[in-house]
């Protein structure tokens, strides 16, 4: 909900102030993420068995640092775009004239800051053994996607020969590379934990083994059914996301949408006339 543009609820002359506010808010979120990652690294150093944890936190710290550089470069490029394109107009007039581009820039900046915050929260939960490794993987993918969104929004108005644009694209590649490293290190840590939980079948009779096998087959079928349902739910969520993100999607009222016309194949046939 926070990522949705609020341009329909505010005056267009306020868009310029919103851009400055959101970029500053994103930078503050990144700085807070850097501080929290540094605290996790310090905690890992103080633990005798935290060598692997410290390595993983170091990789996530490098990712947050890459995101911070990306946001700083994006801010510089955005200022360059405004200065070169506004002419005699003010900054607020430039943003009002290019309101759709401004909305995309605000949404992308929010997505980057939100992704970094979620990554640190997920890492904190994993350290405390209350979270899942899959959360880190999903957060890394979200950061890569929001980074691409921010670069695309900036590239629309930027000059092709701009040095800041080239630097932003280089920063984007750095973020994607570090996000991939986070995914790889997370999966490696997950595999190490799974290797410790080795299955012991010693002392089990043939009947006991057969019973365990049948129970495992039942659980596999249950998980496959649940996975299929979650994939359908994910597809519906993505369709709804794209519908809201499309132009005019926010103004549509769900109750005002016409109901879909029934298919002919499910209409009942009219009753036949009775014979005399």
Foldseek 3Di string as FASTA:
>chain_A
DVLAFPPVVDPLLCLLVLLVVLLVVLLVLLVVLLVLLVVQLVVLVPDPPSPLVNVLSVLLNQLSVLLNVLSVLLVVLVVVLQVVPQVPHDSSVVCSVVVVLSSLLSSLSVQLSVLSNQLSVQSVCVVVVNHDLVSNLVSLVSNLVSLVSNLVSSVVRGDPPDPSNVVSVVSSVSSNVSSVVSNVSSVVVVVVVVVVPDDDPPPPDPVRVVVVVVVVVVVVVVVVVVVVVVVVVVVVVVVLVVQCPDVPSVVDDPVPDDDDDDDPVPDDDDDDDDDD
